[in-house]
C-alpha atoms as a PDB file:
ATOM      1  CA  MET A   1       8.652  -6.998   9.448  1.00  0.00           C
ATOM      2  CA  THR A   2       7.297  -9.550   6.844  1.00  0.00           C
ATOM      3  CA  LYS A   3       3.830 -10.903   6.283  1.00  0.00           C
ATOM      4  CA  ALA A   4       4.736 -14.117   8.177  1.00  0.00           C
ATOM      5  CA  ASP A   5       5.999 -12.018  11.096  1.00  0.00           C
ATOM      6  CA  ILE A   6       2.679 -10.113  11.158  1.00  0.00           C
ATOM      7  CA  VAL A   7       0.776 -13.500  11.060  1.00  0.00           C
ATOM      8  CA  SER A   8       2.918 -14.817  13.920  1.00  0.00           C
ATOM      9  CA  GLU A   9       2.407 -11.611  16.087  1.00  0.00           C
ATOM     10  CA  ILE A  10      -1.335 -11.649  15.585  1.00  0.00           C
ATOM     11  CA  ALA A  11      -1.694 -15.371  16.383  1.00  0.00           C
ATOM     12  CA  LYS A  12       0.338 -14.875  19.565  1.00  0.00           C
ATOM     13  CA  LYS A  13      -1.901 -12.028  20.683  1.00  0.00           C
ATOM     14  CA  THR A  14      -5.199 -13.573  19.809  1.00  0.00           C
ATOM     15  CA  GLY A  15      -4.589 -17.434  20.310  1.00  0.00           C
ATOM     16  CA  VAL A  16      -6.120 -18.076  16.738  1.00  0.00           C
ATOM     17  CA  GLU A  17      -4.185 -20.570  14.518  1.00  0.00           C
ATOM     18  CA  LYS A  18      -1.790 -19.129  12.127  1.00  0.00           C
ATOM     19  CA  THR A  19      -3.440 -20.606   9.116  1.00  0.00           C
ATOM     20  CA  GLN A  20      -6.585 -18.849   9.872  1.00  0.00           C
ATOM     21  CA  ILE A  21      -4.793 -15.592  10.450  1.00  0.00           C
ATOM     22  CA  GLN A  22      -2.776 -15.938   7.251  1.00  0.00           C
ATOM     23  CA  THR A  23      -6.053 -16.390   5.407  1.00  0.00           C
ATOM     24  CA  ILE A  24      -7.488 -13.197   6.900  1.00  0.00           C
ATOM     25  CA  VAL A  25      -4.479 -11.163   6.254  1.00  0.00           C
ATOM     26  CA  GLU A  26      -4.236 -12.360   2.590  1.00  0.00           C
ATOM     27  CA  ALA A  27      -7.983 -11.631   2.039  1.00  0.00           C
ATOM     28  CA  PHE A  28      -7.375  -8.137   3.590  1.00  0.00           C
ATOM     29  CA  MET A  29      -4.568  -7.512   1.204  1.00  0.00           C
ATOM     30  CA  GLU A  30      -6.590  -8.822  -1.798  1.00  0.00           C
ATOM     31  CA  GLU A  31      -9.559  -6.526  -1.050  1.00  0.00           C
ATOM     32  CA  VAL A  32      -7.158  -3.412  -0.560  1.00  0.00           C
ATOM     33  CA  LYS A  33      -5.565  -4.271  -3.995  1.00  0.00           C
ATOM     34  CA  GLY A  34      -8.979  -5.000  -5.492  1.00  0.00           C
ATOM     35  CA  SER A  35     -10.289  -1.554  -4.430  1.00  0.00           C
ATOM     36  CA  LEU A  36      -7.237   0.191  -5.730  1.00  0.00           C
ATOM     37  CA  GLU A  37      -7.380  -1.488  -9.038  1.00  0.00           C
ATOM     38  CA  LYS A  38     -10.968  -0.010  -9.359  1.00  0.00           C
ATOM     39  CA  GLU A  39      -9.559   3.327  -8.367  1.00  0.00           C
ATOM     40  CA  GLU A  40     -11.448   3.374  -5.006  1.00  0.00           C
ATOM     41  CA  ASN A  41      -9.415   4.626  -2.087  1.00  0.00           C
ATOM     42  CA  VAL A  42      -9.350   2.674   1.218  1.00  0.00           C
ATOM     43  CA  TYR A  43      -9.600   4.490   4.515  1.00  0.00           C
ATOM     44  CA  LEU A  44      -8.615   2.872   7.822  1.00  0.00           C
ATOM     45  CA  ARG A  45      -9.513   5.423  10.494  1.00  0.00           C
ATOM     46  CA  GLY A  46      -6.503   5.830  12.954  1.00  0.00           C
ATOM     47  CA  PHE A  47      -4.215   4.036  10.612  1.00  0.00           C
ATOM     48  CA  GLY A  48      -4.178   5.693   7.165  1.00  0.00           C
ATOM     49  CA  SER A  49      -5.401   5.515   3.737  1.00  0.00           C
ATOM     50  CA  PHE A  50      -4.397   3.392   0.753  1.00  0.00           C
ATOM     51  CA  ILE A  51      -4.847   5.949  -2.100  1.00  0.00           C
ATOM     52  CA  ILE A  52      -4.370   6.285  -5.974  1.00  0.00           C
ATOM     53  CA  LYS A  53      -2.094   9.079  -6.971  1.00  0.00           C
ATOM     54  CA  LYS A  54      -2.298  10.340 -10.512  1.00  0.00           C
ATOM     55  CA  ARG A  55       1.060  11.032 -12.248  1.00  0.00           C
ATOM     56  CA  ALA A  56       0.825  13.372 -15.168  1.00  0.00           C
ATOM     57  CA  GLU A  57       2.435  12.834 -18.482  1.00  0.00           C
ATOM     58  CA  LYS A  58       6.088  14.077 -18.652  1.00  0.00           C
ATOM     59  CA  VAL A  59       9.147  14.139 -20.953  1.00  0.00           C
ATOM     60  CA  ALA A  60      12.250  12.323 -19.752  1.00  0.00           C
ATOM     61  CA  ARG A  61      15.603  11.612 -21.170  1.00  0.00           C
ATOM     62  CA  ASN A  62      17.093   8.349 -22.114  1.00  0.00           C
ATOM     63  CA  ILE A  63      20.823   8.982 -21.126  1.00  0.00           C
ATOM     64  CA  SER A  64      22.302   5.941 -22.672  1.00  0.00           C
ATOM     65  CA  LYS A  65      20.743   6.669 -26.110  1.00  0.00           C
ATOM     66  CA  ASN A  66      20.613  10.533 -25.751  1.00  0.00           C
ATOM     67  CA  THR A  67      16.916  10.670 -26.711  1.00  0.00           C
ATOM     68  CA  THR A  68      13.860  11.897 -25.184  1.00  0.00           C
ATOM     69  CA  ILE A  69      10.944   9.847 -24.257  1.00  0.00           C
ATOM     70  CA  THR A  70       7.339  10.564 -23.163  1.00  0.00           C
ATOM     71  CA  ILE A  71       6.277   8.872 -20.066  1.00  0.00           C
ATOM     72  CA  PRO A  72       2.466   8.693 -20.238  1.00  0.00           C
ATOM     73  CA  ALA A  73       0.165   9.737 -17.560  1.00  0.00           C
ATOM     74  CA  HIS A  74      -0.430   6.848 -15.056  1.00  0.00           C
ATOM     75  CA  ASN A  75      -1.828   5.959 -11.561  1.00  0.00           C
ATOM     76  CA  ILE A  76       0.352   4.541  -8.671  1.00  0.00           C
ATOM     77  CA  PRO A  77      -0.730   3.186  -5.268  1.00  0.00           C
ATOM     78  CA  ALA A  78       0.383   5.190  -2.204  1.00  0.00           C
ATOM     79  CA  PHE A  79      -0.069   4.993   1.530  1.00  0.00           C
ATOM     80  CA  LYS A  80      -0.923   8.150   3.547  1.00  0.00           C
ATOM     81  CA  PRO A  81      -0.720   7.599   7.460  1.00  0.00           C
ATOM     82  CA  ALA A  82      -3.267   9.045   9.678  1.00  0.00           C
ATOM     83  CA  LYS A  83      -2.184  12.104  11.648  1.00  0.00           C
ATOM     84  CA  SER A  84      -2.382  10.321  14.980  1.00  0.00           C
ATOM     85  CA  PHE A  85      -0.199   7.458  13.604  1.00  0.00           C
ATOM     86  CA  ALA A  86       2.308   9.716  11.891  1.00  0.00           C
ATOM     87  CA  SER A  87       2.791  11.652  15.118  1.00  0.00           C
ATOM     88  CA  LYS A  88       3.550   8.534  17.042  1.00  0.00           C
ATOM     89  CA  ILE A  89       6.265   7.715  14.527  1.00  0.00           C
ATOM     90  CA  SER A  90       7.870  11.140  14.061  1.00  0.00           C
ATOM     91  CA  LYS A  91       8.749  11.399  17.790  1.00  0.00           C
END
């Protein structure tokens, strides 16, 4: 499902124009991204959490050059579904 599909489905269910729904969906996504950039997690009860995972520094190998490289510590965004949501999907 794409963002356009989500906008269409919400517009069908609510009767609101697609342009307004698209503006709302994009604003929601910008708020989530903005919060994660500030290293603030986003919690949506009954749906899940958008969280920042911290990756430790590690040593890796560059196979083509046969050398070792150090990958610095960094943060990555992740989604953790709520238990009620995950249990519905895993059936």
